[in-house]
Amino acid sequence: MNPKLEPNIHDIHGVLVYLEKRRTRIFVGTLTGELNTNKKQFYFEYDLKYLNSKAVIPLGPELPLTQQYYQSSTLFTAFQDRIPSKDNPAYLDYCKALEISEQENDPFVLLCTIGKKGPSSFIFEPLFLEHFSPADLKKFREELGLTLREFASLFDLSFSHLQRIESKKFSGKEILKRIETYQKFPEIALFEILRRGGVLHSDKKYELIQFFKQKITNSLP
């Protein structure tokens, strides 16, 4: 058996947020997103246990503790403020110290390296891609009861690319990363269904909404 490879920074596809106190570290929530589409989307979800705890603080003014789930077409300010400007004279030194390229533009990589610690007590840790495979894609699609064409239309993906990925003629790494996000975070998939579900028959849309709502309920502590 081959030894398990160490995660690479380019396998990062999200950020885990913790609140670090003197003796404890509390899980706050997860930042994920779609970075390789014409319309970028970022999603932040508070951990329900954190949201219901006493004496906790919001991650930022635009992320109050009044709801669990947030979506934005730009990186939330609470995260953006943790990435130093490339005009900062020390920026190159930061990158060298953490062994990343000064040309790195992936916000998740930047947040988990040079933005990991900041003036607040919030700490950022990487959420790694777990090598979602073409077989995983097909299994997920069939679990939803969707044809390739329906799946492509619902999630705004290229039908031909999906077809080639499932037949293992195209790696489709970025597409697989995006689909893995839908599988792991049902709230994001549900958002897409509510937004684009009109491409499906109304009965199928209703079934999918119920399917993901049940997944969300099952994930609650």
N, C-alpha and C. Protein backbone atom coordinates (compact mmCIF):
# COMPACT_ATOMS: atom_id res chain seq x y z
N MET A 1 0.85 -1.20 0.00
CA MET A 1 0.00 0.00 0.00
C MET A 1 0.88 1.25 0.00
N ASN A 2 0.54 2.20 -0.84
CA ASN A 2 1.32 3.44 -0.89
C ASN A 2 1.07 4.27 0.34
N PRO A 3 2.11 4.92 0.88
CA PRO A 3 1.90 5.79 2.03
C PRO A 3 1.04 6.96 1.65
N LYS A 4 0.24 7.44 2.56
CA LYS A 4 -0.65 8.56 2.31
C LYS A 4 0.17 9.83 2.12
N LEU A 5 -0.10 10.55 1.05
CA LEU A 5 0.62 11.76 0.77
C LEU A 5 0.21 12.87 1.72
N GLU A 6 1.20 13.71 2.05
CA GLU A 6 0.90 14.87 2.89
C GLU A 6 0.07 15.86 2.08
N PRO A 7 -0.88 16.53 2.71
CA PRO A 7 -1.69 17.51 1.98
C PRO A 7 -0.82 18.62 1.41
N ASN A 8 -1.17 19.08 0.24
CA ASN A 8 -0.47 20.17 -0.42
C ASN A 8 -1.31 21.44 -0.26
N ILE A 9 -0.66 22.61 -0.22
CA ILE A 9 -1.43 23.84 -0.02
C ILE A 9 -2.46 24.05 -1.12
N HIS A 10 -2.22 23.49 -2.28
CA HIS A 10 -3.18 23.67 -3.37
C HIS A 10 -4.31 22.65 -3.31
N ASP A 11 -4.30 21.84 -2.25
CA ASP A 11 -5.46 20.98 -1.96
C ASP A 11 -6.41 21.69 -0.99
N ILE A 12 -6.05 22.90 -0.56
CA ILE A 12 -6.91 23.67 0.34
C ILE A 12 -8.12 24.17 -0.44
N HIS A 13 -9.33 23.90 0.07
CA HIS A 13 -10.51 24.42 -0.62
C HIS A 13 -11.48 25.08 0.35
N GLY A 14 -10.95 25.53 1.48
CA GLY A 14 -11.77 26.24 2.44
C GLY A 14 -10.96 26.57 3.68
N VAL A 15 -11.61 27.24 4.61
CA VAL A 15 -10.95 27.69 5.84
C VAL A 15 -11.79 27.31 7.04
N LEU A 16 -11.17 26.66 8.01
CA LEU A 16 -11.81 26.35 9.29
C LEU A 16 -11.44 27.45 10.27
N VAL A 17 -12.42 28.03 10.93
CA VAL A 17 -12.18 29.16 11.82
C VAL A 17 -12.35 28.72 13.28
N TYR A 18 -11.39 29.11 14.11
CA TYR A 18 -11.43 28.79 15.55
C TYR A 18 -11.26 30.07 16.35
N LEU A 19 -11.86 30.10 17.53
CA LEU A 19 -11.65 31.18 18.48
C LEU A 19 -10.70 30.65 19.54
N GLU A 20 -9.52 31.25 19.61
CA GLU A 20 -8.49 30.75 20.53
C GLU A 20 -8.48 31.59 21.80
N LYS A 21 -8.77 30.90 22.90
CA LYS A 21 -8.71 31.55 24.21
C LYS A 21 -7.46 31.08 24.94
N ARG A 22 -7.30 31.50 26.17
CA ARG A 22 -6.06 31.21 26.88
C ARG A 22 -5.79 29.71 26.97
N ARG A 23 -6.81 28.92 27.26
CA ARG A 23 -6.60 27.48 27.45
C ARG A 23 -7.43 26.61 26.51
N THR A 24 -8.27 27.21 25.73
CA THR A 24 -9.13 26.41 24.85
C THR A 24 -9.17 26.99 23.44
N ARG A 25 -9.59 26.15 22.51
CA ARG A 25 -9.82 26.57 21.13
C ARG A 25 -11.21 26.10 20.75
N ILE A 26 -12.07 27.04 20.32
CA ILE A 26 -13.47 26.72 20.01
C ILE A 26 -13.68 26.81 18.51
N PHE A 27 -14.32 25.79 17.95
CA PHE A 27 -14.62 25.82 16.52
C PHE A 27 -15.73 26.82 16.25
N VAL A 28 -15.50 27.74 15.31
CA VAL A 28 -16.43 28.83 15.00
C VAL A 28 -17.26 28.53 13.76
N GLY A 29 -16.62 28.11 12.69
CA GLY A 29 -17.36 27.87 11.45
C GLY A 29 -16.44 27.63 10.28
N THR A 30 -17.02 27.58 9.09
CA THR A 30 -16.29 27.20 7.88
C THR A 30 -16.54 28.18 6.74
N LEU A 31 -15.45 28.58 6.10
CA LEU A 31 -15.51 29.40 4.89
C LEU A 31 -15.22 28.52 3.68
N THR A 32 -16.10 28.51 2.72
CA THR A 32 -15.87 27.79 1.46
C THR A 32 -16.25 28.73 0.32
N GLY A 33 -16.10 28.26 -0.91
CA GLY A 33 -16.46 29.13 -2.01
C GLY A 33 -16.22 28.51 -3.37
N GLU A 34 -16.62 29.23 -4.38
CA GLU A 34 -16.40 28.85 -5.77
C GLU A 34 -15.52 29.94 -6.37
N LEU A 35 -14.28 29.59 -6.67
CA LEU A 35 -13.31 30.60 -7.09
C LEU A 35 -13.02 30.58 -8.58
N ASN A 36 -13.45 29.54 -9.27
CA ASN A 36 -13.05 29.37 -10.65
C ASN A 36 -14.22 29.50 -11.62
N THR A 37 -15.18 30.31 -11.26
CA THR A 37 -16.30 30.57 -12.14
C THR A 37 -16.32 32.06 -12.47
N ASN A 38 -17.09 32.43 -13.45
CA ASN A 38 -17.19 33.85 -13.80
C ASN A 38 -17.79 34.67 -12.67
N LYS A 39 -18.66 34.03 -11.90
CA LYS A 39 -19.28 34.69 -10.76
C LYS A 39 -18.80 34.02 -9.48
N LYS A 40 -17.80 34.61 -8.86
CA LYS A 40 -17.27 34.02 -7.62
C LYS A 40 -18.31 34.10 -6.52
N GLN A 41 -18.30 33.08 -5.66
CA GLN A 41 -19.21 33.05 -4.52
C GLN A 41 -18.44 32.56 -3.30
N PHE A 42 -18.67 33.21 -2.17
CA PHE A 42 -18.09 32.78 -0.91
C PHE A 42 -19.22 32.46 0.06
N TYR A 43 -19.01 31.43 0.87
CA TYR A 43 -20.03 30.99 1.82
C TYR A 43 -19.38 30.85 3.20
N PHE A 44 -20.03 31.42 4.21
CA PHE A 44 -19.57 31.20 5.58
C PHE A 44 -20.71 30.63 6.40
N GLU A 45 -20.41 29.57 7.14
CA GLU A 45 -21.41 28.91 7.98
C GLU A 45 -20.90 28.80 9.41
N TYR A 46 -21.63 29.42 10.34
CA TYR A 46 -21.28 29.27 11.75
C TYR A 46 -21.61 27.86 12.22
N ASP A 47 -20.75 27.32 13.05
CA ASP A 47 -21.05 26.06 13.72
C ASP A 47 -22.23 26.31 14.67
N LEU A 48 -23.23 25.43 14.63
CA LEU A 48 -24.45 25.66 15.41
C LEU A 48 -24.17 25.69 16.91
N LYS A 49 -23.23 24.87 17.36
CA LYS A 49 -22.87 24.86 18.78
C LYS A 49 -22.29 26.20 19.19
N TYR A 50 -21.45 26.77 18.33
CA TYR A 50 -20.87 28.08 18.61
C TYR A 50 -21.95 29.15 18.62
N LEU A 51 -22.84 29.08 17.65
CA LEU A 51 -23.90 30.07 17.51
C LEU A 51 -24.80 30.09 18.74
N ASN A 52 -24.99 28.94 19.36
CA ASN A 52 -25.88 28.84 20.52
C ASN A 52 -25.16 28.96 21.86
N SER A 53 -23.86 29.19 21.82
CA SER A 53 -23.09 29.31 23.06
C SER A 53 -23.20 30.72 23.64
N LYS A 54 -22.90 30.83 24.89
CA LYS A 54 -22.89 32.12 25.56
C LYS A 54 -21.48 32.71 25.53
N ALA A 55 -21.40 33.99 25.62
CA ALA A 55 -20.12 34.71 25.70
C ALA A 55 -19.22 34.45 24.50
N VAL A 56 -19.83 34.35 23.29
CA VAL A 56 -19.03 34.24 22.08
C VAL A 56 -19.21 35.52 21.27
N ILE A 57 -18.32 35.75 20.33
CA ILE A 57 -18.34 37.00 19.57
C ILE A 57 -18.45 36.69 18.08
N PRO A 58 -19.05 37.61 17.30
CA PRO A 58 -19.15 37.39 15.85
C PRO A 58 -17.78 37.51 15.20
N LEU A 59 -17.64 36.87 14.07
CA LEU A 59 -16.37 36.92 13.34
C LEU A 59 -16.12 38.32 12.79
N GLY A 60 -17.19 39.03 12.48
CA GLY A 60 -17.05 40.39 11.98
C GLY A 60 -18.40 41.06 11.92
N PRO A 61 -18.43 42.40 11.73
CA PRO A 61 -19.69 43.14 11.69
C PRO A 61 -20.65 42.65 10.61
N GLU A 62 -20.11 42.15 9.48
CA GLU A 62 -20.97 41.67 8.40
C GLU A 62 -21.39 40.22 8.60
N LEU A 63 -20.91 39.61 9.72
CA LEU A 63 -21.25 38.23 10.04
C LEU A 63 -21.80 38.15 11.47
N PRO A 64 -22.91 38.84 11.75
CA PRO A 64 -23.46 38.83 13.11
C PRO A 64 -23.99 37.45 13.50
N LEU A 65 -24.18 37.26 14.78
CA LEU A 65 -24.65 35.96 15.28
C LEU A 65 -26.17 35.82 15.20
N THR A 66 -26.77 36.49 14.25
CA THR A 66 -28.23 36.46 14.11
C THR A 66 -28.69 35.37 13.14
N GLN A 67 -27.74 34.82 12.38
CA GLN A 67 -28.08 33.71 11.48
C GLN A 67 -26.86 32.82 11.31
N GLN A 68 -27.09 31.63 10.77
CA GLN A 68 -26.01 30.64 10.68
C GLN A 68 -25.24 30.73 9.37
N TYR A 69 -25.90 31.10 8.30
CA TYR A 69 -25.33 30.94 6.97
C TYR A 69 -25.28 32.27 6.22
N TYR A 70 -24.12 32.56 5.59
CA TYR A 70 -23.94 33.80 4.84
C TYR A 70 -23.33 33.50 3.48
N GLN A 71 -23.70 34.31 2.50
CA GLN A 71 -23.20 34.15 1.15
C GLN A 71 -22.85 35.51 0.57
N SER A 72 -21.76 35.59 -0.19
CA SER A 72 -21.32 36.87 -0.75
C SER A 72 -20.57 36.63 -2.05
N SER A 73 -20.65 37.59 -2.97
CA SER A 73 -19.91 37.48 -4.22
C SER A 73 -18.47 37.98 -4.06
N THR A 74 -18.15 38.57 -2.91
CA THR A 74 -16.79 38.99 -2.60
C THR A 74 -16.38 38.41 -1.25
N LEU A 75 -15.09 38.31 -1.02
CA LEU A 75 -14.59 37.76 0.24
C LEU A 75 -15.04 38.65 1.40
N PHE A 76 -15.60 38.04 2.43
CA PHE A 76 -16.09 38.79 3.58
C PHE A 76 -14.95 39.63 4.18
N THR A 77 -15.29 40.82 4.63
CA THR A 77 -14.29 41.76 5.14
C THR A 77 -13.47 41.16 6.28
N ALA A 78 -14.11 40.38 7.14
CA ALA A 78 -13.41 39.77 8.27
C ALA A 78 -12.25 38.90 7.81
N PHE A 79 -12.37 38.33 6.62
CA PHE A 79 -11.29 37.52 6.05
C PHE A 79 -10.34 38.37 5.21
N GLN A 80 -10.90 39.25 4.39
CA GLN A 80 -10.07 40.08 3.52
C GLN A 80 -9.08 40.91 4.32
N ASP A 81 -9.50 41.40 5.47
CA ASP A 81 -8.63 42.23 6.30
C ASP A 81 -7.43 41.47 6.85
N ARG A 82 -7.49 40.15 6.82
CA ARG A 82 -6.38 39.35 7.35
C ARG A 82 -5.30 39.06 6.30
N ILE A 83 -5.55 39.44 5.06
CA ILE A 83 -4.56 39.22 4.00
C ILE A 83 -3.79 40.52 3.78
N PRO A 84 -2.49 40.53 4.07
CA PRO A 84 -1.72 41.77 3.89
C PRO A 84 -1.69 42.21 2.43
N SER A 85 -1.59 43.49 2.23
CA SER A 85 -1.49 44.04 0.88
C SER A 85 -0.14 43.65 0.27
N LYS A 86 -0.13 43.39 -1.03
CA LYS A 86 1.13 43.08 -1.70
C LYS A 86 2.03 44.30 -1.77
N ASP A 87 1.46 45.47 -1.51
CA ASP A 87 2.27 46.70 -1.46
C ASP A 87 3.02 46.85 -0.14
N ASN A 88 2.67 46.01 0.83
CA ASN A 88 3.35 46.04 2.13
C ASN A 88 4.82 45.66 1.92
N PRO A 89 5.76 46.47 2.39
CA PRO A 89 7.19 46.18 2.18
C PRO A 89 7.60 44.81 2.73
N ALA A 90 6.87 44.31 3.73
CA ALA A 90 7.23 43.04 4.34
C ALA A 90 6.53 41.84 3.67
N TYR A 91 5.72 42.11 2.64
CA TYR A 91 4.92 41.03 2.04
C TYR A 91 5.79 39.89 1.51
N LEU A 92 6.86 40.22 0.83
CA LEU A 92 7.76 39.20 0.28
C LEU A 92 8.36 38.35 1.39
N ASP A 93 8.73 38.99 2.48
CA ASP A 93 9.29 38.25 3.62
C ASP A 93 8.26 37.31 4.23
N TYR A 94 6.99 37.77 4.32
CA TYR A 94 5.93 36.90 4.83
C TYR A 94 5.83 35.63 3.97
N CYS A 95 5.84 35.83 2.66
CA CYS A 95 5.69 34.69 1.74
C CYS A 95 6.87 33.73 1.84
N LYS A 96 8.07 34.27 1.90
CA LYS A 96 9.26 33.43 2.01
C LYS A 96 9.24 32.62 3.31
N ALA A 97 8.84 33.26 4.40
CA ALA A 97 8.82 32.59 5.70
C ALA A 97 7.84 31.42 5.71
N LEU A 98 6.74 31.56 4.95
CA LEU A 98 5.71 30.51 4.92
C LEU A 98 5.76 29.66 3.66
N GLU A 99 6.81 29.88 2.86
CA GLU A 99 7.08 29.05 1.68
C GLU A 99 5.92 29.05 0.67
N ILE A 100 5.41 30.23 0.40
CA ILE A 100 4.41 30.37 -0.66
C ILE A 100 4.91 31.40 -1.66
N SER A 101 4.41 31.33 -2.87
CA SER A 101 4.82 32.28 -3.90
C SER A 101 4.23 33.66 -3.62
N GLU A 102 5.03 34.68 -3.92
CA GLU A 102 4.51 36.05 -3.75
C GLU A 102 3.43 36.35 -4.78
N GLN A 103 3.29 35.46 -5.79
CA GLN A 103 2.25 35.61 -6.81
C GLN A 103 0.98 34.85 -6.46
N GLU A 104 0.97 34.17 -5.32
CA GLU A 104 -0.19 33.38 -4.91
C GLU A 104 -1.42 34.28 -4.77
N ASN A 105 -2.52 33.87 -5.41
CA ASN A 105 -3.75 34.66 -5.36
C ASN A 105 -4.93 33.93 -4.75
N ASP A 106 -4.78 32.64 -4.46
CA ASP A 106 -5.88 31.88 -3.88
C ASP A 106 -6.16 32.39 -2.46
N PRO A 107 -7.34 32.96 -2.21
CA PRO A 107 -7.60 33.54 -0.88
C PRO A 107 -7.56 32.51 0.24
N PHE A 108 -7.92 31.25 -0.05
CA PHE A 108 -7.90 30.23 0.99
C PHE A 108 -6.46 29.89 1.39
N VAL A 109 -5.58 29.81 0.41
CA VAL A 109 -4.16 29.57 0.70
C VAL A 109 -3.59 30.73 1.50
N LEU A 110 -3.90 31.95 1.07
CA LEU A 110 -3.37 33.13 1.77
C LEU A 110 -3.89 33.22 3.20
N LEU A 111 -5.16 32.90 3.40
CA LEU A 111 -5.74 32.98 4.74
C LEU A 111 -5.14 31.95 5.68
N CYS A 112 -4.78 30.79 5.15
CA CYS A 112 -4.26 29.71 5.99
C CYS A 112 -2.74 29.76 6.15
N THR A 113 -2.11 30.77 5.55
CA THR A 113 -0.67 30.93 5.69
C THR A 113 -0.37 32.30 6.30
N ILE A 114 -0.24 33.32 5.46
CA ILE A 114 0.10 34.64 5.99
C ILE A 114 -1.05 35.28 6.76
N GLY A 115 -2.28 34.78 6.57
CA GLY A 115 -3.43 35.36 7.28
C GLY A 115 -3.92 34.50 8.43
N LYS A 116 -3.17 33.45 8.75
CA LYS A 116 -3.63 32.48 9.75
C LYS A 116 -3.88 33.13 11.11
N LYS A 117 -2.97 33.97 11.53
CA LYS A 117 -3.11 34.66 12.82
C LYS A 117 -3.12 36.16 12.58
N GLY A 118 -3.89 36.85 13.39
CA GLY A 118 -3.99 38.30 13.22
C GLY A 118 -4.20 38.98 14.55
N PRO A 119 -4.66 40.22 14.52
CA PRO A 119 -4.85 40.98 15.76
C PRO A 119 -6.00 40.46 16.61
N SER A 120 -6.92 39.70 16.02
CA SER A 120 -8.04 39.15 16.80
C SER A 120 -7.67 37.78 17.33
N SER A 121 -8.58 37.17 18.07
CA SER A 121 -8.35 35.83 18.64
C SER A 121 -8.81 34.72 17.71
N PHE A 122 -9.24 35.07 16.50
CA PHE A 122 -9.67 34.05 15.54
C PHE A 122 -8.46 33.49 14.79
N ILE A 123 -8.42 32.18 14.70
CA ILE A 123 -7.34 31.46 14.03
C ILE A 123 -7.90 30.73 12.82
N PHE A 124 -7.17 30.75 11.72
CA PHE A 124 -7.62 30.07 10.50
C PHE A 124 -6.79 28.82 10.25
N GLU A 125 -7.47 27.72 9.95
CA GLU A 125 -6.81 26.47 9.61
C GLU A 125 -7.34 25.99 8.26
N PRO A 126 -6.53 25.24 7.50
CA PRO A 126 -6.97 24.81 6.16
C PRO A 126 -8.00 23.68 6.19
N LEU A 127 -8.93 23.76 5.26
CA LEU A 127 -9.86 22.67 4.98
C LEU A 127 -9.36 22.04 3.69
N PHE A 128 -8.86 20.79 3.77
CA PHE A 128 -8.22 20.18 2.62
C PHE A 128 -9.18 19.41 1.75
N LEU A 129 -8.92 19.48 0.45
CA LEU A 129 -9.62 18.65 -0.52
C LEU A 129 -9.26 17.20 -0.26
N GLU A 130 -10.23 16.34 -0.25
CA GLU A 130 -9.97 14.92 0.04
C GLU A 130 -10.01 14.08 -1.23
N HIS A 131 -9.58 14.68 -2.33
CA HIS A 131 -9.45 13.97 -3.60
C HIS A 131 -10.75 13.30 -4.02
N PHE A 132 -11.77 14.11 -4.15
CA PHE A 132 -13.07 13.72 -4.67
C PHE A 132 -12.85 13.18 -6.09
N SER A 133 -13.32 12.00 -6.38
CA SER A 133 -13.01 11.31 -7.63
C SER A 133 -14.18 11.34 -8.62
N PRO A 134 -13.92 11.00 -9.89
CA PRO A 134 -15.02 10.87 -10.86
C PRO A 134 -16.08 9.88 -10.38
N ALA A 135 -15.65 8.82 -9.71
CA ALA A 135 -16.62 7.84 -9.18
C ALA A 135 -17.49 8.47 -8.10
N ASP A 136 -16.87 9.36 -7.29
CA ASP A 136 -17.63 10.06 -6.24
C ASP A 136 -18.66 10.99 -6.88
N LEU A 137 -18.26 11.65 -7.97
CA LEU A 137 -19.17 12.53 -8.70
C LEU A 137 -20.38 11.74 -9.21
N LYS A 138 -20.13 10.61 -9.85
CA LYS A 138 -21.23 9.81 -10.40
C LYS A 138 -22.14 9.30 -9.29
N LYS A 139 -21.55 8.85 -8.18
CA LYS A 139 -22.34 8.34 -7.06
C LYS A 139 -23.23 9.45 -6.49
N PHE A 140 -22.67 10.65 -6.34
CA PHE A 140 -23.43 11.79 -5.81
C PHE A 140 -24.56 12.16 -6.76
N ARG A 141 -24.26 12.23 -8.05
CA ARG A 141 -25.28 12.58 -9.05
C ARG A 141 -26.42 11.57 -9.04
N GLU A 142 -26.08 10.29 -9.00
CA GLU A 142 -27.11 9.25 -9.00
C GLU A 142 -27.91 9.25 -7.71
N GLU A 143 -27.25 9.61 -6.61
CA GLU A 143 -27.96 9.72 -5.33
C GLU A 143 -29.04 10.80 -5.41
N LEU A 144 -28.77 11.83 -6.19
CA LEU A 144 -29.73 12.91 -6.37
C LEU A 144 -30.79 12.58 -7.42
N GLY A 145 -30.58 11.48 -8.14
CA GLY A 145 -31.55 11.08 -9.16
C GLY A 145 -31.54 11.98 -10.37
N LEU A 146 -30.35 12.51 -10.73
CA LEU A 146 -30.24 13.45 -11.84
C LEU A 146 -29.46 12.85 -13.00
N THR A 147 -29.89 13.17 -14.20
CA THR A 147 -29.10 12.82 -15.38
C THR A 147 -27.90 13.77 -15.43
N LEU A 148 -26.93 13.44 -16.27
CA LEU A 148 -25.78 14.32 -16.44
C LEU A 148 -26.22 15.71 -16.89
N ARG A 149 -27.16 15.76 -17.83
CA ARG A 149 -27.61 17.05 -18.35
C ARG A 149 -28.34 17.86 -17.27
N GLU A 150 -29.17 17.19 -16.47
CA GLU A 150 -29.87 17.88 -15.38
C GLU A 150 -28.87 18.39 -14.34
N PHE A 151 -27.90 17.56 -13.99
CA PHE A 151 -26.89 17.94 -13.00
C PHE A 151 -26.10 19.15 -13.49
N ALA A 152 -25.71 19.12 -14.77
CA ALA A 152 -24.95 20.23 -15.34
C ALA A 152 -25.77 21.52 -15.32
N SER A 153 -27.04 21.44 -15.69
CA SER A 153 -27.89 22.63 -15.72
C SER A 153 -28.13 23.18 -14.33
N LEU A 154 -28.38 22.28 -13.38
CA LEU A 154 -28.69 22.70 -12.02
C LEU A 154 -27.53 23.44 -11.37
N PHE A 155 -26.31 22.93 -11.57
CA PHE A 155 -25.15 23.52 -10.90
C PHE A 155 -24.29 24.38 -11.84
N ASP A 156 -24.87 24.73 -13.00
CA ASP A 156 -24.22 25.65 -13.94
C ASP A 156 -22.83 25.14 -14.34
N LEU A 157 -22.77 23.88 -14.76
CA LEU A 157 -21.53 23.24 -15.17
C LEU A 157 -21.61 22.84 -16.64
N SER A 158 -20.47 22.62 -17.25
CA SER A 158 -20.42 22.18 -18.65
C SER A 158 -20.82 20.70 -18.74
N PHE A 159 -21.85 20.43 -19.54
CA PHE A 159 -22.29 19.05 -19.74
C PHE A 159 -21.16 18.20 -20.33
N SER A 160 -20.46 18.72 -21.34
CA SER A 160 -19.39 17.95 -21.98
C SER A 160 -18.24 17.68 -21.02
N HIS A 161 -17.92 18.65 -20.16
CA HIS A 161 -16.86 18.44 -19.18
C HIS A 161 -17.25 17.35 -18.18
N LEU A 162 -18.49 17.40 -17.70
CA LEU A 162 -18.96 16.37 -16.77
C LEU A 162 -18.92 14.99 -17.41
N GLN A 163 -19.35 14.94 -18.65
CA GLN A 163 -19.37 13.67 -19.38
C GLN A 163 -17.95 13.10 -19.49
N ARG A 164 -16.99 13.95 -19.78
CA ARG A 164 -15.60 13.52 -19.92
C ARG A 164 -14.98 13.15 -18.57
N ILE A 165 -15.40 13.86 -17.50
CA ILE A 165 -14.89 13.52 -16.17
C ILE A 165 -15.37 12.13 -15.75
N GLU A 166 -16.67 11.89 -15.92
CA GLU A 166 -17.22 10.59 -15.52
C GLU A 166 -16.63 9.44 -16.34
N SER A 167 -16.26 9.71 -17.59
CA SER A 167 -15.66 8.67 -18.42
C SER A 167 -14.14 8.64 -18.28
N LYS A 168 -13.62 9.48 -17.35
CA LYS A 168 -12.19 9.54 -17.02
C LYS A 168 -11.31 9.95 -18.20
N LYS A 169 -11.86 10.84 -19.04
CA LYS A 169 -11.11 11.38 -20.16
C LYS A 169 -10.63 12.80 -19.89
N PHE A 170 -10.99 13.34 -18.71
CA PHE A 170 -10.65 14.72 -18.34
C PHE A 170 -10.58 14.78 -16.83
N SER A 171 -9.48 15.34 -16.30
CA SER A 171 -9.29 15.34 -14.84
C SER A 171 -10.32 16.21 -14.13
N GLY A 172 -10.59 17.40 -14.68
CA GLY A 172 -11.62 18.28 -14.12
C GLY A 172 -11.44 18.57 -12.64
N LYS A 173 -10.21 18.82 -12.23
CA LYS A 173 -9.91 18.99 -10.80
C LYS A 173 -10.76 20.09 -10.16
N GLU A 174 -10.85 21.24 -10.83
CA GLU A 174 -11.58 22.36 -10.24
C GLU A 174 -13.08 22.08 -10.18
N ILE A 175 -13.60 21.39 -11.19
CA ILE A 175 -15.02 21.04 -11.18
C ILE A 175 -15.31 20.05 -10.06
N LEU A 176 -14.42 19.07 -9.89
CA LEU A 176 -14.60 18.08 -8.82
C LEU A 176 -14.53 18.75 -7.45
N LYS A 177 -13.65 19.72 -7.32
CA LYS A 177 -13.53 20.45 -6.05
C LYS A 177 -14.84 21.17 -5.73
N ARG A 178 -15.43 21.77 -6.76
CA ARG A 178 -16.69 22.49 -6.58
C ARG A 178 -17.82 21.54 -6.19
N ILE A 179 -17.90 20.39 -6.87
CA ILE A 179 -18.96 19.43 -6.58
C ILE A 179 -18.79 18.83 -5.20
N GLU A 180 -17.56 18.63 -4.79
CA GLU A 180 -17.31 18.12 -3.43
C GLU A 180 -17.87 19.08 -2.38
N THR A 181 -17.77 20.37 -2.66
CA THR A 181 -18.33 21.37 -1.75
C THR A 181 -19.83 21.19 -1.60
N TYR A 182 -20.52 20.92 -2.72
CA TYR A 182 -21.97 20.69 -2.66
C TYR A 182 -22.29 19.44 -1.83
N GLN A 183 -21.46 18.42 -1.97
CA GLN A 183 -21.71 17.18 -1.24
C GLN A 183 -21.46 17.36 0.26
N LYS A 184 -20.39 18.04 0.61
CA LYS A 184 -20.02 18.18 2.01
C LYS A 184 -20.82 19.24 2.76
N PHE A 185 -21.33 20.23 2.01
CA PHE A 185 -22.04 21.33 2.65
C PHE A 185 -23.43 21.44 2.00
N PRO A 186 -24.40 20.70 2.52
CA PRO A 186 -25.74 20.68 1.91
C PRO A 186 -26.41 22.05 1.86
N GLU A 187 -26.01 22.97 2.75
CA GLU A 187 -26.59 24.31 2.73
C GLU A 187 -26.24 25.01 1.42
N ILE A 188 -25.02 24.79 0.91
CA ILE A 188 -24.60 25.42 -0.33
C ILE A 188 -25.35 24.81 -1.51
N ALA A 189 -25.49 23.47 -1.50
CA ALA A 189 -26.25 22.81 -2.56
C ALA A 189 -27.70 23.28 -2.56
N LEU A 190 -28.29 23.41 -1.37
CA LEU A 190 -29.67 23.87 -1.27
C LEU A 190 -29.81 25.29 -1.82
N PHE A 191 -28.85 26.15 -1.54
CA PHE A 191 -28.87 27.51 -2.06
C PHE A 191 -28.91 27.49 -3.59
N GLU A 192 -28.09 26.62 -4.20
CA GLU A 192 -28.05 26.53 -5.66
C GLU A 192 -29.37 26.00 -6.22
N ILE A 193 -29.97 25.05 -5.52
CA ILE A 193 -31.25 24.48 -5.98
C ILE A 193 -32.35 25.53 -5.93
N LEU A 194 -32.37 26.30 -4.85
CA LEU A 194 -33.37 27.36 -4.73
C LEU A 194 -33.15 28.45 -5.77
N ARG A 195 -31.90 28.66 -6.15
CA ARG A 195 -31.56 29.71 -7.11
C ARG A 195 -31.77 29.27 -8.56
N ARG A 196 -31.41 28.01 -8.87
CA ARG A 196 -31.41 27.57 -10.25
C ARG A 196 -32.33 26.37 -10.51
N GLY A 197 -33.11 25.98 -9.50
CA GLY A 197 -33.94 24.79 -9.62
C GLY A 197 -35.03 24.86 -10.66
N GLY A 198 -35.26 26.04 -11.22
CA GLY A 198 -36.27 26.18 -12.26
C GLY A 198 -35.96 25.40 -13.52
N VAL A 199 -34.70 24.94 -13.66
CA VAL A 199 -34.33 24.15 -14.84
C VAL A 199 -34.84 22.72 -14.74
N LEU A 200 -35.32 22.34 -13.55
CA LEU A 200 -35.79 20.98 -13.31
C LEU A 200 -37.32 20.93 -13.31
N HIS A 201 -37.85 19.73 -13.47
CA HIS A 201 -39.29 19.53 -13.27
C HIS A 201 -39.61 19.88 -11.83
N SER A 202 -40.77 20.46 -11.59
CA SER A 202 -41.12 20.93 -10.24
C SER A 202 -41.09 19.81 -9.20
N ASP A 203 -41.50 18.59 -9.58
CA ASP A 203 -41.48 17.47 -8.63
C ASP A 203 -40.06 17.11 -8.23
N LYS A 204 -39.16 17.13 -9.21
CA LYS A 204 -37.76 16.78 -8.92
C LYS A 204 -37.11 17.87 -8.07
N LYS A 205 -37.44 19.13 -8.36
CA LYS A 205 -36.90 20.22 -7.55
C LYS A 205 -37.36 20.07 -6.10
N TYR A 206 -38.64 19.77 -5.90
CA TYR A 206 -39.18 19.60 -4.55
C TYR A 206 -38.47 18.45 -3.83
N GLU A 207 -38.25 17.34 -4.52
CA GLU A 207 -37.58 16.19 -3.90
C GLU A 207 -36.16 16.54 -3.47
N LEU A 208 -35.46 17.30 -4.31
CA LEU A 208 -34.10 17.68 -3.97
C LEU A 208 -34.06 18.64 -2.77
N ILE A 209 -35.00 19.57 -2.75
CA ILE A 209 -35.06 20.50 -1.61
C ILE A 209 -35.27 19.72 -0.32
N GLN A 210 -36.18 18.76 -0.33
CA GLN A 210 -36.43 17.95 0.86
C GLN A 210 -35.22 17.10 1.22
N PHE A 211 -34.54 16.57 0.20
CA PHE A 211 -33.36 15.73 0.41
C PHE A 211 -32.28 16.51 1.16
N PHE A 212 -31.98 17.73 0.69
CA PHE A 212 -30.92 18.50 1.32
C PHE A 212 -31.35 19.09 2.66
N LYS A 213 -32.61 19.42 2.80
CA LYS A 213 -33.09 19.88 4.11
C LYS A 213 -32.92 18.78 5.15
N GLN A 214 -33.18 17.52 4.74
CA GLN A 214 -33.01 16.40 5.66
C GLN A 214 -31.54 16.21 5.99
N LYS A 215 -30.66 16.38 5.02
CA LYS A 215 -29.22 16.28 5.27
C LYS A 215 -28.77 17.34 6.27
N ILE A 216 -29.29 18.54 6.12
CA ILE A 216 -28.94 19.62 7.05
C ILE A 216 -29.43 19.27 8.46
N THR A 217 -30.65 18.78 8.56
CA THR A 217 -31.20 18.38 9.86
C THR A 217 -30.37 17.27 10.49
N ASN A 218 -29.97 16.29 9.69
CA ASN A 218 -29.19 15.17 10.20
C ASN A 218 -27.80 15.57 10.68
N SER A 219 -27.29 16.68 10.16
CA SER A 219 -25.96 17.13 10.55
C SER A 219 -25.95 17.95 11.82
N LEU A 220 -27.16 18.31 12.30
CA LEU A 220 -27.23 19.12 13.53
C LEU A 220 -26.86 18.26 14.73
N PRO A 221 -26.20 18.87 15.72
CA PRO A 221 -25.79 18.10 16.91
C PRO A 221 -26.99 17.69 17.74
